[in-house]
Amino acid sequence: MEGNAFAQFVPLILIFAIMYFLLIRPQQKKVKDHQKMVSELRRGDQVVTQGGLIGKVVKVRENNELEVEIAEGVKVRVVQSTIAQVLSKTEPAES
């Protein structure tokens, strides 16, 4: 009887394992990669926001904000986590 009860739970355990490796783990990796990308943003990087705006980072502010120039003389403040993609990176300044 006890072996039979355990055998009934094996498919549930397998389904959970498959869900973990196909859904949960890749999502966690994607979030980690996005956080790394956002933390490495610096002045001069060309970025795309989740709203579709393309611009250049003018200033990295505190409180997870960026100042992005979307046209000459037009600057907007955006939250760092809303950056969807970095199009071009600037080279770090040599010390």
C-alpha atoms as a PDB file:
ATOM      1  CA  MET A   1       0.000   0.000   0.000  1.00  0.00           C
ATOM      2  CA  GLU A   2       2.706   2.474   0.930  1.00  0.00           C
ATOM      3  CA  GLY A   3       4.596   1.885  -2.300  1.00  0.00           C
ATOM      4  CA  ASN A   4       1.405   2.360  -4.269  1.00  0.00           C
ATOM      5  CA  ALA A   5       0.720   5.716  -2.572  1.00  0.00           C
ATOM      6  CA  PHE A   6       4.231   6.900  -3.436  1.00  0.00           C
ATOM      7  CA  ALA A   7       3.774   5.774  -7.046  1.00  0.00           C
ATOM      8  CA  GLN A   8       0.764   8.059  -7.331  1.00  0.00           C
ATOM      9  CA  PHE A   9       2.890  11.096  -6.418  1.00  0.00           C
ATOM     10  CA  VAL A  10       5.722  10.336  -8.862  1.00  0.00           C
ATOM     11  CA  PRO A  11       3.941  11.922 -11.856  1.00  0.00           C
ATOM     12  CA  LEU A  12       3.249  15.089  -9.841  1.00  0.00           C
ATOM     13  CA  ILE A  13       6.882  15.309  -8.824  1.00  0.00           C
ATOM     14  CA  LEU A  14       7.972  14.842 -12.449  1.00  0.00           C
ATOM     15  CA  ILE A  15       5.563  17.530 -13.654  1.00  0.00           C
ATOM     16  CA  PHE A  16       6.908  19.984 -11.070  1.00  0.00           C
ATOM     17  CA  ALA A  17      10.509  19.191 -12.062  1.00  0.00           C
ATOM     18  CA  ILE A  18       9.724  19.740 -15.746  1.00  0.00           C
ATOM     19  CA  MET A  19       7.927  23.028 -14.969  1.00  0.00           C
ATOM     20  CA  TYR A  20      10.921  24.184 -12.912  1.00  0.00           C
ATOM     21  CA  PHE A  21      13.466  23.517 -15.648  1.00  0.00           C
ATOM     22  CA  LEU A  22      11.334  24.799 -18.533  1.00  0.00           C
ATOM     23  CA  LEU A  23       9.657  27.852 -16.971  1.00  0.00           C
ATOM     24  CA  ILE A  24      10.947  28.978 -13.591  1.00  0.00           C
ATOM     25  CA  ARG A  25      14.707  28.618 -14.073  1.00  0.00           C
ATOM     26  CA  PRO A  26      14.915  30.429 -17.451  1.00  0.00           C
ATOM     27  CA  GLN A  27      12.784  33.281 -16.065  1.00  0.00           C
ATOM     28  CA  GLN A  28      15.094  33.659 -13.062  1.00  0.00           C
ATOM     29  CA  LYS A  29      18.117  33.749 -15.404  1.00  0.00           C
ATOM     30  CA  LYS A  30      16.448  36.402 -17.572  1.00  0.00           C
ATOM     31  CA  VAL A  31      15.694  38.579 -14.520  1.00  0.00           C
ATOM     32  CA  LYS A  32      19.284  38.200 -13.287  1.00  0.00           C
ATOM     33  CA  ASP A  33      20.691  39.175 -16.708  1.00  0.00           C
ATOM     34  CA  HIS A  34      18.387  42.234 -16.873  1.00  0.00           C
ATOM     35  CA  GLN A  35      19.448  43.379 -13.386  1.00  0.00           C
ATOM     36  CA  LYS A  36      23.114  43.022 -14.393  1.00  0.00           C
ATOM     37  CA  MET A  37      22.527  45.020 -17.610  1.00  0.00           C
ATOM     38  CA  VAL A  38      20.724  47.793 -15.718  1.00  0.00           C
ATOM     39  CA  SER A  39      23.379  47.989 -13.008  1.00  0.00           C
ATOM     40  CA  GLU A  40      26.108  48.446 -15.670  1.00  0.00           C
ATOM     41  CA  LEU A  41      24.425  51.419 -17.388  1.00  0.00           C
ATOM     42  CA  ARG A  42      26.545  54.550 -17.605  1.00  0.00           C
ATOM     43  CA  ARG A  43      26.664  57.918 -19.302  1.00  0.00           C
ATOM     44  CA  GLY A  44      26.834  57.696 -23.084  1.00  0.00           C
ATOM     45  CA  ASP A  45      25.076  54.339 -23.477  1.00  0.00           C
ATOM     46  CA  GLN A  46      22.367  54.270 -26.125  1.00  0.00           C
ATOM     47  CA  VAL A  47      19.282  52.535 -24.730  1.00  0.00           C
ATOM     48  CA  VAL A  48      15.724  51.507 -25.593  1.00  0.00           C
ATOM     49  CA  THR A  49      13.037  51.841 -22.926  1.00  0.00           C
ATOM     50  CA  GLN A  50      10.131  49.440 -22.531  1.00  0.00           C
ATOM     51  CA  GLY A  51       7.939  52.211 -23.934  1.00  0.00           C
ATOM     52  CA  GLY A  52       9.959  52.170 -27.155  1.00  0.00           C
ATOM     53  CA  LEU A  53      11.909  55.408 -26.689  1.00  0.00           C
ATOM     54  CA  ILE A  54      15.476  55.353 -27.983  1.00  0.00           C
ATOM     55  CA  GLY A  55      17.945  57.716 -26.421  1.00  0.00           C
ATOM     56  CA  LYS A  56      21.341  58.298 -24.899  1.00  0.00           C
ATOM     57  CA  VAL A  57      21.999  58.171 -21.146  1.00  0.00           C
ATOM     58  CA  VAL A  58      23.069  61.663 -20.096  1.00  0.00           C
ATOM     59  CA  LYS A  59      23.158  61.176 -16.354  1.00  0.00           C
ATOM     60  CA  VAL A  60      22.809  58.300 -13.912  1.00  0.00           C
ATOM     61  CA  ARG A  61      20.920  59.661 -10.920  1.00  0.00           C
ATOM     62  CA  GLU A  62      20.364  58.183  -7.500  1.00  0.00           C
ATOM     63  CA  ASN A  63      17.107  56.359  -6.607  1.00  0.00           C
ATOM     64  CA  ASN A  64      17.470  54.137  -9.704  1.00  0.00           C
ATOM     65  CA  GLU A  65      16.759  56.954 -12.155  1.00  0.00           C
ATOM     66  CA  LEU A  66      18.414  57.849 -15.435  1.00  0.00           C
ATOM     67  CA  GLU A  67      18.322  61.020 -17.461  1.00  0.00           C
ATOM     68  CA  VAL A  68      17.970  60.047 -21.121  1.00  0.00           C
ATOM     69  CA  GLU A  69      18.258  62.442 -24.072  1.00  0.00           C
ATOM     70  CA  ILE A  70      15.755  61.368 -26.727  1.00  0.00           C
ATOM     71  CA  ALA A  71      16.355  64.335 -29.064  1.00  0.00           C
ATOM     72  CA  GLU A  72      18.704  67.293 -29.054  1.00  0.00           C
ATOM     73  CA  GLY A  73      17.872  69.255 -25.911  1.00  0.00           C
ATOM     74  CA  VAL A  74      14.989  66.928 -24.930  1.00  0.00           C
ATOM     75  CA  LYS A  75      15.803  64.974 -21.773  1.00  0.00           C
ATOM     76  CA  VAL A  76      13.495  62.674 -19.846  1.00  0.00           C
ATOM     77  CA  ARG A  77      13.881  60.938 -16.520  1.00  0.00           C
ATOM     78  CA  VAL A  78      13.243  57.198 -16.558  1.00  0.00           C
ATOM     79  CA  VAL A  79      13.449  54.458 -13.971  1.00  0.00           C
ATOM     80  CA  GLN A  80      16.464  52.222 -14.582  1.00  0.00           C
ATOM     81  CA  SER A  81      14.438  49.009 -14.544  1.00  0.00           C
ATOM     82  CA  THR A  82      12.358  50.215 -17.534  1.00  0.00           C
ATOM     83  CA  ILE A  83      15.376  49.938 -19.828  1.00  0.00           C
ATOM     84  CA  ALA A  84      14.650  47.056 -22.187  1.00  0.00           C
ATOM     85  CA  GLN A  85      17.858  46.982 -24.219  1.00  0.00           C
ATOM     86  CA  VAL A  86      21.264  48.612 -24.508  1.00  0.00           C
ATOM     87  CA  LEU A  87      22.012  49.338 -28.176  1.00  0.00           C
ATOM     88  CA  SER A  88      25.587  50.557 -27.768  1.00  0.00           C
ATOM     89  CA  LYS A  89      27.883  50.737 -24.795  1.00  0.00           C
ATOM     90  CA  THR A  90      30.503  53.383 -24.162  1.00  0.00           C
ATOM     91  CA  GLU A  91      34.013  52.386 -23.265  1.00  0.00           C
ATOM     92  CA  PRO A  92      34.917  52.903 -19.617  1.00  0.00           C
ATOM     93  CA  ALA A  93      37.100  55.925 -18.947  1.00  0.00           C
ATOM     94  CA  GLU A  94      40.685  55.020 -18.236  1.00  0.00           C
ATOM     95  CA  SER A  95      41.981  55.969 -14.813  1.00  0.00           C
END
